[in-house]
């Protein structure tokens, strides 16, 4: 592990703490990404990638510093904190992937039941094919059921603004397909 100036972590100004944390993340980026990649599994891979996890870790570390809650007084403690944040983030993403898989299974069963009953229209099949992303399919399904952005965000574990943006792009794509453009 490389050595940072001890003062860059111990200084009380948030700027120095942020600089020290950023330096650690930058110096150990490849090691952290390898660790994330080794731990990321099937369900989690559906909703995220290693860069996304690292970005989340950096944001959470920065948030701790901004709130004045950074408890690390050495590089080793900071690195341990980064690993703890990484592990917690991976667990959350895994849970999100599992929820996604469960919802997709439910949607697939409904789709099969509707297809077997002959009630599935070719237009809806076209729309479903336009939505290869599992999160977008969940948003489409939720909006079709009248769910609010807030409810969808809570269910998917993402920000409400992200749901709103995804829905906007999804709706535009579907409308263009219906118009034949």
Protein backbone atom coordinates (compact mmCIF):
# COMPACT_ATOMS: atom_id res chain seq x y z
CA UNK A 1 0.00 0.00 0.00
CA UNK A 2 1.45 3.37 -0.90
CA UNK A 3 1.83 6.06 1.68
CA UNK A 4 -0.14 9.29 1.68
CA UNK A 5 0.93 12.20 3.72
CA UNK A 6 -0.65 11.48 7.10
CA UNK A 7 -1.71 15.12 7.29
CA UNK A 8 -3.92 14.79 4.18
CA UNK A 9 -6.28 12.51 6.11
CA UNK A 10 -5.93 14.04 9.57
CA UNK A 11 -6.49 17.65 8.53
CA UNK A 12 -9.89 18.87 9.54
CA UNK A 13 -10.78 20.84 6.40
CA UNK A 14 -13.04 18.76 4.21
CA UNK A 15 -11.04 19.72 1.14
CA UNK A 16 -7.93 17.99 2.49
CA UNK A 17 -9.94 14.92 3.50
CA UNK A 18 -11.54 14.76 0.07
CA UNK A 19 -8.15 15.08 -1.58
CA UNK A 20 -6.73 12.30 0.61
CA UNK A 21 -9.68 10.02 -0.07
CA UNK A 22 -9.54 10.74 -3.80
CA UNK A 23 -5.82 9.98 -3.79
CA UNK A 24 -6.41 6.61 -2.11
CA UNK A 25 -9.20 5.74 -4.56
CA UNK A 26 -7.05 6.75 -7.52
CA UNK A 27 -3.94 4.91 -6.33
CA UNK A 28 -5.82 1.71 -5.55
CA UNK A 29 -8.41 1.92 -8.32
CA UNK A 30 -7.29 -1.25 -10.13
CA UNK A 31 -7.14 -3.24 -6.89
CA UNK A 32 -10.60 -2.06 -5.85
CA UNK A 33 -12.03 -2.84 -9.30
CA UNK A 34 -10.52 -6.35 -9.21
CA UNK A 35 -12.07 -6.92 -5.79
CA UNK A 36 -15.46 -5.68 -7.00
CA UNK A 37 -15.23 -7.79 -10.17
CA UNK A 38 -14.41 -10.90 -8.14
CA UNK A 39 -17.43 -10.38 -5.88
CA UNK A 40 -19.99 -9.27 -8.45
CA UNK A 41 -22.25 -12.13 -9.50
CA UNK A 42 -25.06 -13.03 -11.88
CA UNK A 43 -28.02 -11.06 -10.51
CA UNK A 44 -25.82 -8.10 -9.63
CA UNK A 45 -24.28 -8.00 -13.12
CA UNK A 46 -27.75 -7.44 -14.55
CA UNK A 47 -28.13 -4.10 -12.78
CA UNK A 48 -24.58 -2.76 -12.50
CA UNK A 49 -20.93 -3.05 -13.45
CA UNK A 50 -17.64 -2.57 -11.64
CA UNK A 51 -17.29 1.09 -12.65
CA UNK A 52 -20.79 1.81 -11.32
CA UNK A 53 -19.88 0.23 -7.97
CA UNK A 54 -16.65 2.21 -7.76
CA UNK A 55 -18.53 5.41 -8.58
CA UNK A 56 -21.06 4.67 -5.84
CA UNK A 57 -18.26 3.98 -3.36
CA UNK A 58 -16.58 7.30 -4.24
CA UNK A 59 -19.86 9.21 -3.83
CA UNK A 60 -20.59 7.59 -0.48
CA UNK A 61 -17.08 8.27 0.79
CA UNK A 62 -17.36 11.89 -0.33
CA UNK A 63 -20.74 12.13 1.40
CA UNK A 64 -19.21 10.92 4.68
CA UNK A 65 -16.49 13.53 4.37
CA UNK A 66 -18.99 16.27 3.52
CA UNK A 67 -20.99 15.39 6.63
CA UNK A 68 -17.84 15.44 8.75
CA UNK A 69 -18.29 11.77 9.66
CA UNK A 70 -15.00 10.39 8.31
CA UNK A 71 -13.48 8.38 11.16
CA UNK A 72 -10.25 7.30 9.41
CA UNK A 73 -7.03 8.75 10.77
CA UNK A 74 -4.63 6.67 8.65
CA UNK A 75 -4.40 5.28 5.16
CA UNK A 76 -5.04 1.76 6.48
CA UNK A 77 -8.26 2.87 8.23
CA UNK A 78 -9.40 4.75 5.13
CA UNK A 79 -8.72 1.73 2.96
CA UNK A 80 -10.67 -0.49 5.38
CA UNK A 81 -13.55 1.99 5.21
CA UNK A 82 -13.45 1.89 1.41
CA UNK A 83 -13.65 -1.91 1.54
CA UNK A 84 -16.58 -1.76 3.96
CA UNK A 85 -18.43 0.73 1.74
CA UNK A 86 -17.67 -1.49 -1.28
CA UNK A 87 -19.02 -4.59 0.47
CA UNK A 88 -22.20 -2.79 1.54
CA UNK A 89 -22.71 -1.42 -1.98
CA UNK A 90 -22.22 -4.87 -3.51
CA UNK A 91 -24.75 -6.34 -1.10
CA UNK A 92 -27.29 -3.65 -2.01
CA UNK A 93 -26.70 -4.21 -5.74
CA UNK A 94 -27.02 -7.97 -5.26
CA UNK A 95 -30.35 -7.50 -3.50
CA UNK A 96 -31.48 -5.17 -6.28
CA UNK A 97 -30.46 -7.79 -8.87
CA UNK A 98 -32.39 -10.47 -7.01
CA UNK A 99 -35.49 -8.26 -6.87
CA UNK A 100 -35.09 -7.57 -10.60
CA UNK A 101 -34.86 -11.26 -11.36
CA UNK A 102 -37.94 -12.01 -9.26
CA UNK A 103 -39.94 -9.27 -10.99
CA UNK A 104 -38.77 -10.41 -14.42
CA UNK A 105 -39.79 -13.98 -13.63
CA UNK A 106 -43.21 -12.73 -12.60
CA UNK A 107 -43.53 -10.65 -15.75
CA UNK A 108 -42.40 -13.59 -17.89
CA UNK A 109 -45.00 -15.88 -16.26
CA UNK A 110 -47.72 -13.27 -16.88
CA UNK A 111 -46.57 -12.90 -20.48
CA UNK A 112 -46.61 -16.66 -21.02
CA UNK A 113 -50.07 -16.94 -19.49
CA UNK A 114 -51.37 -14.12 -21.69
CA UNK A 115 -49.76 -15.63 -24.78
CA UNK A 116 -51.26 -19.04 -24.02
CA UNK A 117 -54.68 -17.43 -23.69
CA UNK A 118 -54.23 -15.64 -26.99
CA UNK A 119 -54.71 -12.24 -25.43
CA UNK A 120 -51.22 -10.90 -26.14
CA UNK A 121 -51.32 -8.44 -29.03
CA UNK A 122 -48.54 -8.20 -31.59
CA UNK A 123 -48.23 -4.47 -30.73
CA UNK A 124 -47.38 -5.25 -27.12
CA UNK A 125 -44.91 -7.91 -28.24
CA UNK A 126 -43.21 -5.26 -30.39
CA UNK A 127 -43.04 -2.89 -27.42
CA UNK A 128 -41.56 -5.56 -25.15
CA UNK A 129 -38.89 -6.28 -27.80
CA UNK A 130 -38.02 -2.57 -27.82
CA UNK A 131 -37.14 -2.78 -24.14
CA UNK A 132 -34.16 -5.10 -23.72
CA UNK A 133 -33.05 -3.55 -20.41
CA UNK A 134 -34.57 -5.33 -17.38
CA UNK A 135 -34.94 -2.13 -15.36
CA UNK A 136 -36.71 -0.42 -18.27
CA UNK A 137 -39.05 -3.41 -18.57
CA UNK A 138 -39.86 -3.08 -14.88
CA UNK A 139 -40.56 0.63 -15.32
CA UNK A 140 -42.80 -0.13 -18.31
CA UNK A 141 -44.65 -2.79 -16.33
CA UNK A 142 -45.01 -0.52 -13.30
CA UNK A 143 -46.26 2.45 -15.31
CA UNK A 144 -48.74 0.14 -17.09
CA UNK A 145 -50.05 -0.73 -13.62
CA UNK A 146 -50.30 2.93 -12.65
CA UNK A 147 -47.35 3.07 -10.28
CA UNK A 148 -45.89 6.46 -9.43
CA UNK A 149 -42.26 7.43 -10.04
CA UNK A 150 -41.74 7.37 -6.29
CA UNK A 151 -43.06 3.82 -5.97
CA UNK A 152 -40.98 2.62 -8.92
CA UNK A 153 -37.84 4.27 -7.52
CA UNK A 154 -38.35 2.58 -4.16
CA UNK A 155 -39.00 -0.80 -5.79
CA UNK A 156 -35.98 -0.57 -8.09
CA UNK A 157 -33.64 0.99 -5.55
CA UNK A 158 -32.77 3.93 -7.81
CA UNK A 159 -33.38 7.68 -7.68
CA UNK A 160 -36.80 9.01 -8.65
CA UNK A 161 -35.18 11.29 -11.25
CA UNK A 162 -33.52 8.25 -12.85
CA UNK A 163 -36.92 6.55 -13.14
CA UNK A 164 -38.41 9.70 -14.65
CA UNK A 165 -35.59 10.00 -17.22
CA UNK A 166 -35.74 6.33 -18.14
CA UNK A 167 -39.53 6.51 -18.52
CA UNK A 168 -39.23 9.58 -20.74
CA UNK A 169 -36.70 7.88 -23.05
CA UNK A 170 -38.68 4.65 -23.01
CA UNK A 171 -41.95 6.38 -23.84
CA UNK A 172 -40.29 8.26 -26.71
CA UNK A 173 -38.81 5.03 -28.11
CA UNK A 174 -42.20 3.29 -27.93
CA UNK A 175 -44.01 6.24 -29.54
CA UNK A 176 -41.49 6.34 -32.40
CA UNK A 177 -41.95 2.61 -32.95
CA UNK A 178 -45.72 2.94 -33.02
CA UNK A 179 -45.46 5.75 -35.56
CA UNK A 180 -43.16 3.56 -37.62
CA UNK A 181 -40.13 5.88 -37.50
